[in-house]
Protein backbone atom coordinates (compact mmCIF):
# COMPACT_ATOMS: atom_id res chain seq x y z
CA MET A 1 110.56 7.91 117.39
CA SER A 2 108.59 9.21 114.58
CA SER A 3 107.46 13.01 114.90
CA ALA A 4 104.14 14.34 113.95
CA SER A 5 104.21 16.72 111.26
CA GLN A 6 106.47 19.60 112.12
CA HIS A 7 106.16 23.37 112.18
CA TYR A 8 109.10 25.84 112.47
CA ARG A 9 109.30 29.55 111.55
CA LEU A 10 112.22 30.29 113.17
CA SER A 11 115.72 31.88 111.61
CA ASP A 12 118.48 29.60 111.31
CA ASP A 13 121.17 31.74 113.81
CA LEU A 14 117.83 30.88 116.34
CA LEU A 15 116.59 27.53 115.01
CA GLY A 16 119.81 25.19 116.00
CA PRO A 17 120.14 26.55 119.74
CA VAL A 18 116.74 26.15 120.46
CA LEU A 19 116.75 22.70 119.27
CA ALA A 20 119.47 22.18 121.04
CA ILE A 21 118.44 23.46 124.38
CA LEU A 22 114.83 21.11 123.54
CA ASP A 23 116.25 17.59 122.76
CA ALA A 24 119.52 18.67 126.22
CA TYR A 25 115.88 18.09 127.69
CA GLN A 26 115.43 14.40 128.69
CA ASP A 27 112.10 13.32 128.76
CA PRO A 28 111.90 11.08 131.99
CA TYR A 29 109.97 8.17 130.55
CA LEU A 30 111.19 8.09 127.13
CA ALA A 31 114.86 8.52 128.07
CA GLN A 32 115.52 10.93 124.84
CA GLY A 33 115.86 14.90 124.52
CA LEU A 34 112.49 16.34 123.14
CA VAL A 35 113.49 16.65 119.44
CA SER A 36 114.91 13.13 119.30
CA ALA A 37 111.76 11.64 120.59
CA GLY A 38 109.46 13.20 118.20
CA CYS A 39 107.86 15.43 120.45
CA VAL A 40 108.76 19.04 119.11
CA ASN A 41 106.32 19.58 116.64
CA LYS A 42 105.77 23.94 116.48
CA LEU A 43 108.82 26.38 116.71
CA ASP A 44 107.60 30.34 116.07
CA ILE A 45 108.51 33.29 116.87
CA GLU A 46 106.55 36.39 117.72
CA GLY A 47 108.93 39.43 118.89
CA LYS A 48 110.56 37.81 121.73
CA ARG A 49 107.89 34.99 122.81
CA LEU A 50 108.88 31.67 121.62
CA LEU A 51 105.96 29.69 120.43
CA LEU A 52 106.25 26.20 121.59
CA GLY A 53 104.05 23.15 120.52
CA LEU A 54 104.93 19.71 122.22
CA VAL A 55 102.98 16.26 121.31
CA TYR A 56 103.88 13.74 123.70
CA PRO A 57 103.29 9.72 122.21
CA TYR A 58 101.66 8.84 126.12
CA PRO A 59 100.01 10.58 128.58
CA CYS A 60 101.36 12.65 130.97
CA MET A 61 98.92 15.67 131.61
CA THR A 62 100.01 16.02 135.11
CA GLN A 63 103.50 16.52 134.17
CA TYR A 64 102.90 19.76 131.65
CA ARG A 65 102.96 22.56 133.81
CA ASP A 66 106.41 21.36 135.53
CA THR A 67 107.50 20.50 132.08
CA VAL A 68 106.65 23.99 130.68
CA MET A 69 108.34 25.88 134.03
CA ASP A 70 111.41 23.65 133.13
CA ILE A 71 111.64 24.29 129.14
CA THR A 72 111.55 28.12 129.71
CA LYS A 73 114.24 28.59 132.55
CA LYS A 74 116.30 26.49 129.41
CA LEU A 75 115.15 28.95 127.02
CA ALA A 76 115.46 31.82 128.56
CA VAL A 77 119.49 32.34 129.04
CA LEU A 78 119.03 33.11 125.15
CA ASP A 79 118.75 36.67 124.58
CA ALA A 80 116.15 36.19 121.55
CA ILE A 81 113.73 34.43 124.29
CA ASP A 82 111.90 36.73 126.68
CA GLU A 83 108.85 34.28 126.98
CA VAL A 84 107.62 30.62 126.44
CA GLU A 85 104.53 29.86 125.17
CA CYS A 86 103.76 26.10 124.95
CA GLU A 87 101.02 23.82 123.90
CA ILE A 88 100.85 20.91 124.79
CA ASP A 89 98.81 17.98 123.30
CA PHE A 90 98.92 13.74 123.20
CA GLN A 91 98.94 11.75 120.43
CA PRO A 92 99.05 7.83 120.45
CA ALA A 93 99.87 5.49 117.85
CA ALA A 94 97.95 3.10 116.57
CA ILE A 95 99.73 0.22 117.46
CA SER A 96 98.96 -4.26 117.52
CA ALA A 97 101.86 -6.62 118.68
CA ILE A 98 99.69 -9.59 116.36
CA GLY A 99 100.25 -8.24 112.62
CA ALA A 100 97.48 -11.34 111.55
CA VAL A 101 94.39 -9.70 113.73
CA GLU A 102 92.53 -6.86 112.44
CA PRO A 103 92.67 -4.24 115.04
CA LEU A 104 89.33 -2.84 116.76
CA ALA A 105 87.25 -0.38 115.95
CA ASN A 106 88.05 2.88 117.53
CA VAL A 107 90.82 1.30 120.12
CA LYS A 108 94.17 2.65 119.15
CA GLN A 109 95.92 0.55 121.47
CA VAL A 110 94.92 -2.66 123.67
CA ILE A 111 96.68 -3.75 127.57
CA ALA A 112 95.84 -6.70 128.84
CA VAL A 113 96.75 -6.65 132.97
CA ALA A 114 97.52 -10.05 133.95
CA SER A 115 98.65 -12.58 137.07
CA GLY A 116 99.94 -16.00 137.05
CA LYS A 117 97.61 -16.81 140.21
CA GLY A 118 94.46 -15.41 141.46
CA GLY A 119 94.63 -12.93 145.02
CA VAL A 120 97.58 -10.20 144.04
CA GLY A 121 95.37 -7.68 143.18
CA LYS A 122 94.90 -8.03 139.63
CA SER A 123 91.84 -6.09 138.83
CA THR A 124 92.06 -3.08 141.47
CA THR A 125 95.13 -2.84 139.72
CA ALA A 126 94.13 -2.58 136.27
CA VAL A 127 90.87 -0.40 137.26
CA ASN A 128 93.14 1.99 139.17
CA LEU A 129 95.45 1.55 135.71
CA ALA A 130 92.46 2.80 133.74
CA LEU A 131 92.11 5.68 136.09
CA ALA A 132 94.95 7.04 136.22
CA LEU A 133 95.52 7.19 132.63
CA VAL A 134 92.22 9.30 132.52
CA ALA A 135 94.32 11.19 135.03
CA GLU A 136 96.72 11.88 132.62
CA GLY A 137 94.78 12.51 129.49
CA ALA A 138 93.86 9.27 128.06
CA LYS A 139 90.53 8.05 127.00
CA VAL A 140 89.97 4.21 128.14
CA GLY A 141 88.07 1.49 128.03
CA ILE A 142 88.22 -1.97 130.54
CA LEU A 143 86.82 -4.79 129.16
CA ASP A 144 86.62 -7.61 132.65
CA ALA A 145 87.21 -10.74 131.01
CA ASP A 146 87.14 -12.66 133.69
CA ILE A 147 84.29 -14.70 132.81
CA TYR A 148 84.28 -16.86 135.90
CA GLY A 149 84.54 -13.87 138.65
CA PRO A 150 83.81 -10.25 137.00
CA SER A 151 84.66 -8.16 139.29
CA ILE A 152 84.87 -4.28 137.69
CA PRO A 153 80.93 -4.10 137.84
CA LEU A 154 81.67 -3.96 141.63
CA MET A 155 84.86 -2.06 141.65
CA LEU A 156 82.99 0.44 139.76
CA GLY A 157 80.17 1.01 141.23
CA VAL A 158 77.83 0.03 138.10
CA SER A 159 76.49 -3.16 138.76
CA ASP A 160 72.92 -2.49 138.47
CA PHE A 161 74.30 -1.71 134.02
CA LYS A 162 72.36 -3.81 131.89
CA PRO A 163 74.15 -3.35 128.27
CA GLU A 164 71.47 -2.47 125.54
CA SER A 165 71.47 -3.71 121.72
CA PRO A 166 70.27 -0.78 119.44
CA ASP A 167 70.58 -2.59 116.43
CA GLY A 168 70.42 -5.56 117.27
CA LYS A 169 74.24 -6.20 116.80
CA MET A 170 76.17 -4.40 119.04
CA MET A 171 75.61 -3.94 123.20
CA THR A 172 76.31 -0.53 124.68
CA ALA A 173 78.54 -0.18 127.55
CA ALA A 174 78.62 1.02 131.05
CA LYS A 175 80.09 4.71 131.90
CA ALA A 176 81.94 5.81 134.92
CA HIS A 177 84.43 7.46 136.44
CA GLY A 178 85.07 8.66 133.12
CA ILE A 179 85.85 5.75 131.39
CA VAL A 180 83.62 3.23 129.53
CA ALA A 181 83.36 -0.65 130.63
CA GLN A 182 81.90 -3.93 129.36
CA SER A 183 81.75 -7.27 131.54
CA ILE A 184 79.74 -10.62 131.41
CA GLY A 185 78.86 -9.43 135.14
CA PHE A 186 76.67 -6.80 133.59
CA MET A 187 74.20 -10.04 131.85
CA LEU A 188 74.23 -12.19 134.63
CA GLY A 189 72.49 -11.68 138.01
CA GLN A 190 74.93 -10.84 140.85
CA GLU A 191 74.95 -14.39 142.46
CA GLU A 192 74.74 -16.50 138.94
CA ALA A 193 77.71 -18.15 138.15
CA ALA A 194 78.82 -18.17 134.76
CA VAL A 195 79.23 -22.53 134.45
CA TRP A 196 80.91 -23.12 130.98
CA ARG A 197 83.59 -24.92 129.56
CA GLY A 198 86.78 -23.29 128.21
CA PRO A 199 86.06 -22.51 124.70
CA MET A 200 82.28 -21.62 125.66
CA ALA A 201 84.13 -18.75 127.88
CA ALA A 202 86.48 -18.07 125.41
CA GLY A 203 84.06 -17.32 122.80
CA ALA A 204 81.85 -15.47 125.37
CA LEU A 205 84.54 -13.37 125.58
CA ALA A 206 85.41 -12.74 121.60
CA GLN A 207 81.86 -11.03 121.96
CA LEU A 208 82.11 -9.13 124.60
CA LEU A 209 84.93 -7.62 122.74
CA ASN A 210 83.82 -7.38 119.59
CA GLU A 211 80.04 -6.58 119.97
CA THR A 212 80.58 -4.20 122.67
CA GLN A 213 79.92 -0.39 121.02
CA TRP A 214 83.76 0.90 122.10
CA PRO A 215 84.26 5.20 121.98
CA GLU A 216 87.42 6.22 120.45
CA LEU A 217 89.94 5.02 122.68
CA ASP A 218 93.80 5.68 123.47
CA TYR A 219 93.51 2.32 124.96
CA LEU A 220 91.64 -0.26 126.01
CA ILE A 221 92.48 -2.24 129.44
CA ILE A 222 91.82 -5.62 129.63
CA ASP A 223 91.61 -7.21 132.95
CA MET A 224 92.80 -11.05 132.57
CA PRO A 225 91.71 -14.13 134.26
CA PRO A 226 94.19 -15.61 136.85
CA GLY A 227 96.23 -17.99 135.18
CA THR A 228 97.28 -19.50 131.52
CA GLY A 229 93.95 -21.02 130.22
CA ASP A 230 92.08 -21.32 127.12
CA ILE A 231 90.74 -17.85 127.71
CA GLN A 232 94.26 -16.42 127.72
CA LEU A 233 95.15 -18.15 124.78
CA THR A 234 92.67 -16.71 122.51
CA LEU A 235 93.16 -13.30 124.18
CA SER A 236 96.93 -13.74 123.65
CA GLN A 237 96.11 -14.64 119.78
CA LYS A 238 93.26 -13.29 118.65
CA VAL A 239 92.96 -9.77 120.09
CA PRO A 240 95.34 -7.25 118.64
CA VAL A 241 96.56 -6.50 121.65
CA THR A 242 99.66 -4.02 122.24
CA GLY A 243 101.62 -5.14 125.38
CA ALA A 244 101.15 -6.55 128.77
CA ILE A 245 101.50 -6.05 132.44
CA ILE A 246 101.59 -8.64 134.71
CA VAL A 247 101.23 -8.12 138.45
CA THR A 248 101.97 -10.62 141.15
CA THR A 249 102.91 -9.78 144.99
CA PRO A 250 106.54 -10.54 146.74
CA GLN A 251 106.20 -13.45 148.09
CA ASP A 252 107.48 -16.82 146.20
CA ILE A 253 104.33 -18.89 144.92
CA ALA A 254 102.86 -15.50 143.28
CA LEU A 255 106.84 -14.74 141.82
CA ALA A 256 106.52 -18.91 140.40
CA ASP A 257 103.54 -18.18 138.83
CA ALA A 258 103.71 -14.69 137.80
CA LYS A 259 106.62 -16.07 135.39
CA LYS A 260 104.21 -18.23 133.66
CA GLY A 261 101.91 -15.48 132.59
CA ILE A 262 105.65 -13.98 131.82
CA ASN A 263 106.46 -17.10 129.21
CA MET A 264 103.22 -17.17 128.16
CA PHE A 265 102.97 -14.07 126.58
CA GLN A 266 106.99 -14.55 124.88
CA LYS A 267 105.32 -17.46 123.35
CA VAL A 268 102.74 -15.63 121.52
CA ASN A 269 105.09 -12.21 120.96
CA ILE A 270 103.18 -9.73 122.63
CA PRO A 271 105.35 -7.41 125.01
CA VAL A 272 105.37 -7.43 128.09
CA LEU A 273 105.66 -3.56 129.56
CA GLY A 274 106.64 -4.41 133.16
CA ILE A 275 105.86 -5.51 136.36
CA VAL A 276 103.23 -4.39 138.88
CA GLU A 277 104.14 -5.56 142.81
CA ASN A 278 100.84 -4.88 145.00
CA MET A 279 101.17 -5.41 148.31
CA SER A 280 105.05 -4.56 148.41
CA PHE A 281 104.86 -3.35 151.96
CA HIS A 282 102.89 -1.86 155.11
CA VAL A 283 103.65 1.70 157.23
CA CYS A 284 102.41 1.01 160.11
CA SER A 285 99.60 3.92 160.64
CA GLU A 286 100.29 4.28 164.54
CA CYS A 287 104.32 4.39 163.94
CA GLY A 288 105.15 4.59 160.65
CA HIS A 289 107.24 1.50 160.22
CA LYS A 290 107.74 -0.18 157.10
CA GLU A 291 107.75 -3.71 156.98
CA HIS A 292 107.31 -5.96 154.40
CA PRO A 293 105.04 -9.03 155.34
CA PHE A 294 105.15 -11.17 151.99
CA GLY A 295 108.79 -10.78 151.59
CA SER A 296 110.66 -8.01 149.57
CA HIS A 297 112.23 -7.54 146.48
CA GLY A 298 110.25 -9.66 144.95
CA GLY A 299 109.12 -8.24 141.98
CA SER A 300 112.25 -6.24 140.98
CA LYS A 301 114.18 -9.37 141.04
CA MET A 302 111.68 -10.84 138.78
CA ALA A 303 112.02 -7.58 136.80
CA GLU A 304 115.46 -7.60 136.83
CA ARG A 305 116.05 -11.85 135.53
CA TYR A 306 113.46 -11.04 132.67
CA HIS A 307 114.26 -7.43 131.36
CA VAL A 308 111.48 -5.93 131.81
CA PRO A 309 110.72 -2.59 133.57
CA LEU A 310 109.35 -2.90 137.56
CA LEU A 311 106.90 -0.18 136.91
CA GLY A 312 105.47 0.35 140.63
CA GLU A 313 105.77 -1.31 143.98
CA LEU A 314 102.02 -0.72 145.55
CA PRO A 315 101.86 -0.20 149.63
CA LEU A 316 99.44 -2.97 151.40
CA LYS A 317 96.79 -0.56 152.44
CA LEU A 318 93.76 -1.31 153.75
CA ASN A 319 91.57 1.92 152.35
CA ILE A 320 92.61 0.40 148.89
CA ARG A 321 90.31 -2.50 149.08
CA GLU A 322 87.86 -0.46 150.73
CA ASP A 323 88.01 2.30 148.11
CA VAL A 324 87.06 -0.69 145.41
CA ASP A 325 84.19 -2.15 147.50
CA LYS A 326 82.60 0.77 147.90
CA GLY A 327 82.69 1.48 143.84
CA VAL A 328 85.23 4.55 143.53
CA PRO A 329 89.10 3.35 143.22
CA THR A 330 91.34 4.79 145.30
CA VAL A 331 92.86 6.61 142.16
CA VAL A 332 89.53 9.02 141.71
CA ALA A 333 88.24 8.44 146.06
CA ASP A 334 91.60 10.30 147.40
CA PRO A 335 93.50 11.30 143.47
CA ASP A 336 96.13 13.20 146.27
CA CYS A 337 97.54 10.21 148.59
CA GLU A 338 99.86 9.07 148.40
CA VAL A 339 98.66 5.06 146.36
CA SER A 340 96.99 7.66 143.43
CA ALA A 341 100.36 9.18 142.27
CA ILE A 342 101.89 5.52 142.45
CA TYR A 343 98.92 4.88 139.54
CA ARG A 344 99.23 7.86 137.85
CA GLU A 345 103.15 6.97 137.41
CA ILE A 346 102.72 3.11 136.80
CA ALA A 347 100.32 4.87 133.80
CA ARG A 348 102.88 7.19 132.77
CA LYS A 349 105.36 4.47 132.02
CA VAL A 350 103.11 2.02 130.45
CA GLY A 351 102.49 4.71 128.34
CA ALA A 352 105.79 5.25 127.20
CA GLN A 353 106.93 1.75 127.61
CA LEU A 354 104.31 1.12 124.62
CA ALA A 355 104.94 4.33 122.52
CA LEU A 356 108.43 2.61 122.78
CA THR A 357 107.26 -0.47 121.56
CA LYS A 358 106.18 0.96 118.26
CA VAL A 359 110.13 1.88 117.85
CA THR A 360 111.79 -0.88 118.85
CA SER A 361 108.33 -3.08 117.46
CA SER A 362 109.07 -6.41 120.42
CA LEU A 363 110.47 -5.92 123.90
CA SER A 364 111.37 -9.72 123.53
CA ILE A 365 112.47 -11.64 126.79
CA SER A 366 115.51 -13.27 126.20
CA ILE A 367 115.27 -16.33 128.76
CA SER A 368 114.27 -19.30 129.07
CA GLU A 369 111.89 -21.04 131.54
CA ASP A 370 113.95 -23.25 132.69
CA GLU A 371 116.90 -21.48 133.74
């Protein structure tokens, strides 16, 4: 992995041991030492105080404190160091899996969140993932690509927002909970339907994407509509997508449709970053008993079969649905709860997978549809 510019000002007899200790510290998401991963960009010494600069290619701000404490303990074995002053930054690269498509202005990486069928919690996952990335230190936007059933305005509590066009060409985006959002739902009445054929819907989506005044973003999340039709193909072929996430539930019918989504991205050479299993289990609020009402291990088996990570397993909990209905998704409504912690873990894994995608250029899936 390429590193940021390095500024090392240590004597040779100290530099070697410090670099060895830092590279022995394995980043849990990149599966590499900090030096090998290109995260170390500054080393200096003032007396016996080591000045350390780290730059991560994925957002992990909630982990900074523990990381600094662990590194300090390991470096403390060196007689020349009594304390460590660490500065940590996050600098994602601009990446697209589709070289023939121009990158979006101001957007470094585009993540498609997809599912083969509706009702698996894809939009809930997309919104909470976006907010979890913000919680980890990223600048994030979300595009509601479900032209026929836009739900992002309600989930973010901005149903009344109406885009403006100061220059007559570009539209403003809504702002909510630290992210920006665009949706066809902002242009339609709350009970109005978009009765359009596939090409019209795909064209409307392209306009939403390209004619929105996106601010500087590290990630743009695209909440894809269910299925593998015109809109999905338009996005997959004409949008500079960096990688895709597949959302499913454990039951066989959802998994069968999710596999179609994976195969679609495979055919258009977009890396599948991993699988999120929604409604994975339920914990009884009375006795604490854990059960799997929709079956178990479906997501993990599919991840193993397609050689992609299982990014996370989310419980079936009433408050997850209630929170988005209120326009305050769980990651914001209850940031310290177990569900929010799972979403932040997924966010860190996704960011790291994207960073690794830059290195490998493709996480292609070598499996046929009929296998």
